[in-house]
């Protein structure tokens, strides 16, 4: 029993648990693949109990979505106009998907969401909506056009990962920008 003068609460310190779990998630997904990266394996790699993970995230899919939010961070919406902003956004997404474990985690959770309506809702509201809203505001575009932009860019990048196991090469990202901009940057 802790003494009344004890400065530390009983139990393990909780600071850094999310960071440890997110790092373990990406490394486990990279090492074992999405399907074999179970919550139990992720928890072991993070050095925490499986119950610690499940207290924070109700499912592997919810964990992966929050891990991706952490990995992507806020969108760096930079550019002098719509074309420059979209170009920098495409390059940013491509770089993030190329980070170790990120593309694998993204593709895996996206694939699971096809047959899981609850996970689709989590992906839509927690992962896609914040970026969609930021792009809508920055571009002054309606929701349907921004959603189509996200679909085209992310779809192509994840397709490449799925077909080759590798992120898209820089030259191909530049070609993607050249193909996408005439449609989206011009009104």
Protein backbone atom coordinates (compact mmCIF):
# COMPACT_ATOMS: atom_id res chain seq x y z
CA UNK A 1 0.00 0.00 0.00
CA UNK A 2 1.42 3.38 -0.95
CA UNK A 3 2.16 5.79 1.83
CA UNK A 4 0.02 8.93 2.04
CA UNK A 5 3.15 10.96 1.20
CA UNK A 6 3.92 8.95 -1.96
CA UNK A 7 4.09 11.15 -5.04
CA UNK A 8 3.59 8.25 -7.47
CA UNK A 9 0.24 6.49 -7.91
CA UNK A 10 0.25 2.71 -7.60
CA UNK A 11 0.78 0.62 -10.74
CA UNK A 12 2.82 1.15 -13.85
CA UNK A 13 3.43 4.62 -15.26
CA UNK A 14 1.07 5.33 -18.17
CA UNK A 15 3.00 8.02 -20.01
CA UNK A 16 4.19 6.92 -23.38
CA UNK A 17 1.89 3.90 -23.66
CA UNK A 18 0.24 5.16 -26.85
CA UNK A 19 3.63 5.98 -28.40
CA UNK A 20 4.97 2.53 -27.49
CA UNK A 21 1.86 0.80 -28.85
CA UNK A 22 1.90 2.84 -32.09
CA UNK A 23 5.60 2.09 -32.68
CA UNK A 24 5.02 -1.60 -31.91
CA UNK A 25 2.00 -1.64 -34.24
CA UNK A 26 3.94 -0.32 -37.21
CA UNK A 27 6.97 -2.52 -36.60
CA UNK A 28 4.82 -5.63 -36.08
CA UNK A 29 2.78 -4.94 -39.21
CA UNK A 30 5.98 -4.36 -41.18
CA UNK A 31 7.60 -7.53 -39.84
CA UNK A 32 4.65 -9.94 -39.90
CA UNK A 33 2.17 -8.36 -42.29
CA UNK A 34 -1.19 -6.88 -41.36
CA UNK A 35 -3.11 -10.15 -40.96
CA UNK A 36 -0.56 -11.71 -38.58
CA UNK A 37 -0.08 -8.53 -36.53
CA UNK A 38 -2.55 -9.43 -33.80
CA UNK A 39 -3.35 -7.24 -30.81
CA UNK A 40 -1.61 -9.85 -28.65
CA UNK A 41 1.61 -9.61 -30.69
CA UNK A 42 1.45 -5.82 -30.80
CA UNK A 43 0.95 -5.64 -27.02
CA UNK A 44 3.91 -7.98 -26.45
CA UNK A 45 6.11 -5.90 -28.75
CA UNK A 46 5.05 -2.74 -26.89
CA UNK A 47 5.74 -4.34 -23.53
CA UNK A 48 2.18 -3.90 -22.29
CA UNK A 49 -0.66 -6.25 -21.46
CA UNK A 50 -3.23 -7.04 -24.14
CA UNK A 51 -5.87 -5.61 -21.76
CA UNK A 52 -3.99 -2.28 -21.80
CA UNK A 53 -4.44 -2.12 -25.57
CA UNK A 54 -8.10 -3.14 -25.44
CA UNK A 55 -8.85 -0.50 -22.77
CA UNK A 56 -7.74 2.15 -25.27
CA UNK A 57 -8.93 0.59 -28.54
CA UNK A 58 -11.91 -1.76 -28.88
CA UNK A 59 -10.47 -3.54 -31.91
CA UNK A 60 -7.35 -3.96 -34.01
CA UNK A 61 -8.96 -1.78 -36.68
CA UNK A 62 -9.55 1.09 -34.25
CA UNK A 63 -5.94 0.78 -33.05
CA UNK A 64 -4.64 0.86 -36.62
CA UNK A 65 -6.72 3.95 -37.47
CA UNK A 66 -5.37 5.85 -34.44
CA UNK A 67 -1.86 4.64 -35.26
CA UNK A 68 -2.26 6.00 -38.81
CA UNK A 69 -3.57 9.32 -37.47
CA UNK A 70 -0.48 9.53 -35.30
CA UNK A 71 1.81 8.58 -38.20
CA UNK A 72 0.26 11.06 -40.64
CA UNK A 73 -0.23 13.93 -38.20
CA UNK A 74 -1.85 17.11 -39.47
CA UNK A 75 -1.87 17.69 -43.20
CA UNK A 76 0.81 20.21 -44.18
CA UNK A 77 -1.41 22.16 -46.55
CA UNK A 78 1.08 24.38 -48.31
CA UNK A 79 0.97 26.04 -51.67
CA UNK A 80 0.42 29.32 -53.46
CA UNK A 81 -2.65 28.01 -55.26
CA UNK A 82 -4.75 24.89 -55.76
CA UNK A 83 -2.25 23.15 -58.05
CA UNK A 84 0.69 23.68 -55.70
CA UNK A 85 -1.38 22.69 -52.67
CA UNK A 86 -2.61 19.48 -54.35
CA UNK A 87 0.87 18.62 -55.56
CA UNK A 88 2.37 19.03 -52.09
CA UNK A 89 -0.52 16.99 -50.60
CA UNK A 90 0.03 14.12 -53.05
CA UNK A 91 3.77 14.06 -52.30
CA UNK A 92 3.08 14.17 -48.54
CA UNK A 93 0.63 11.24 -48.71
CA UNK A 94 3.08 9.24 -50.85
CA UNK A 95 5.93 9.86 -48.37
CA UNK A 96 3.76 8.86 -45.41
CA UNK A 97 2.54 5.65 -47.10
CA UNK A 98 6.19 4.81 -47.86
CA UNK A 99 7.18 4.95 -44.16
CA UNK A 100 7.91 1.53 -42.64
CA UNK A 101 4.68 -0.22 -41.69
CA UNK A 102 2.39 2.68 -42.59
CA UNK A 103 1.42 1.55 -46.09
CA UNK A 104 0.96 -2.03 -44.91
CA UNK A 105 -1.22 -0.92 -41.99
CA UNK A 106 -3.26 1.41 -44.20
CA UNK A 107 -3.83 -1.22 -46.90
CA UNK A 108 -4.72 -3.87 -44.32
CA UNK A 109 -7.26 -1.81 -42.39
CA UNK A 110 -8.73 -0.55 -45.65
CA UNK A 111 -9.14 -4.13 -46.86
CA UNK A 112 -10.77 -5.21 -43.57
CA UNK A 113 -13.19 -2.28 -43.80
CA UNK A 114 -14.65 -3.62 -47.06
CA UNK A 115 -16.56 -6.27 -45.10
CA UNK A 116 -16.81 -4.47 -41.74
CA UNK A 117 -19.30 -1.57 -41.66
CA UNK A 118 -18.23 -0.49 -38.15
CA UNK A 119 -14.59 -0.25 -39.23
CA UNK A 120 -15.63 1.62 -42.40
CA UNK A 121 -17.36 4.16 -40.17
CA UNK A 122 -14.21 4.54 -38.02
CA UNK A 123 -12.07 4.97 -41.14
CA UNK A 124 -14.45 7.53 -42.58
CA UNK A 125 -15.02 9.64 -39.48
CA UNK A 126 -11.68 9.38 -37.68
CA UNK A 127 -9.18 9.13 -40.53
CA UNK A 128 -10.68 10.54 -43.70
CA UNK A 129 -12.96 13.32 -42.42
CA UNK A 130 -10.30 15.50 -40.74
CA UNK A 131 -8.17 15.52 -43.90
CA UNK A 132 -11.21 15.97 -46.16
CA UNK A 133 -12.39 18.95 -44.14
CA UNK A 134 -8.92 20.53 -44.12
CA UNK A 135 -8.63 20.08 -47.89
CA UNK A 136 -12.13 21.43 -48.50
CA UNK A 137 -11.31 24.55 -46.54
CA UNK A 138 -7.88 25.02 -48.13
CA UNK A 139 -9.10 24.41 -51.68
CA UNK A 140 -12.56 25.90 -51.42
CA UNK A 141 -13.93 22.78 -53.09
CA UNK A 142 -17.15 20.89 -52.37
CA UNK A 143 -17.08 17.62 -50.45
CA UNK A 144 -17.68 15.37 -53.48
CA UNK A 145 -14.66 16.75 -55.37
CA UNK A 146 -12.34 16.47 -52.37
CA UNK A 147 -13.53 12.91 -51.70
CA UNK A 148 -12.83 12.01 -55.32
CA UNK A 149 -9.36 13.57 -55.07
CA UNK A 150 -8.66 11.50 -51.93
CA UNK A 151 -10.03 8.34 -53.60
CA UNK A 152 -7.88 8.78 -56.69
CA UNK A 153 -4.64 9.61 -54.88
CA UNK A 154 -4.84 7.20 -51.95
CA UNK A 155 -6.34 4.47 -54.15
CA UNK A 156 -3.47 4.62 -56.62
CA UNK A 157 -0.82 4.69 -53.88
CA UNK A 158 -2.35 1.75 -51.98
CA UNK A 159 -2.88 -0.19 -55.20
CA UNK A 160 0.83 0.13 -55.98
CA UNK A 161 1.71 -1.10 -52.46
CA UNK A 162 -0.66 -4.03 -52.84
CA UNK A 163 0.58 -5.05 -56.25
CA UNK A 164 4.31 -4.63 -55.70
CA UNK A 165 4.82 -4.57 -51.94
CA UNK A 166 6.74 -1.35 -52.45
CA UNK A 167 5.74 2.30 -52.22
CA UNK A 168 5.45 4.31 -55.40
CA UNK A 169 8.76 5.62 -56.74
CA UNK A 170 9.27 9.39 -56.75
CA UNK A 171 9.14 9.57 -60.56
CA UNK A 172 5.78 7.79 -60.53
CA UNK A 173 4.47 10.12 -57.82
CA UNK A 174 5.45 13.04 -60.08
CA UNK A 175 3.59 11.35 -62.96
CA UNK A 176 0.54 10.91 -60.71
CA UNK A 177 0.64 14.62 -59.89
CA UNK A 178 0.84 15.44 -63.61
CA UNK A 179 -2.17 13.24 -64.32
CA UNK A 180 -4.33 14.42 -61.40
CA UNK A 181 -3.73 18.17 -61.47
CA UNK A 182 -5.38 18.97 -64.82
CA UNK A 183 -8.65 17.52 -63.57
CA UNK A 184 -8.65 18.81 -59.99
CA UNK A 185 -6.76 22.10 -60.18
CA UNK A 186 -8.82 23.40 -63.09
CA UNK A 187 -12.44 24.28 -62.40
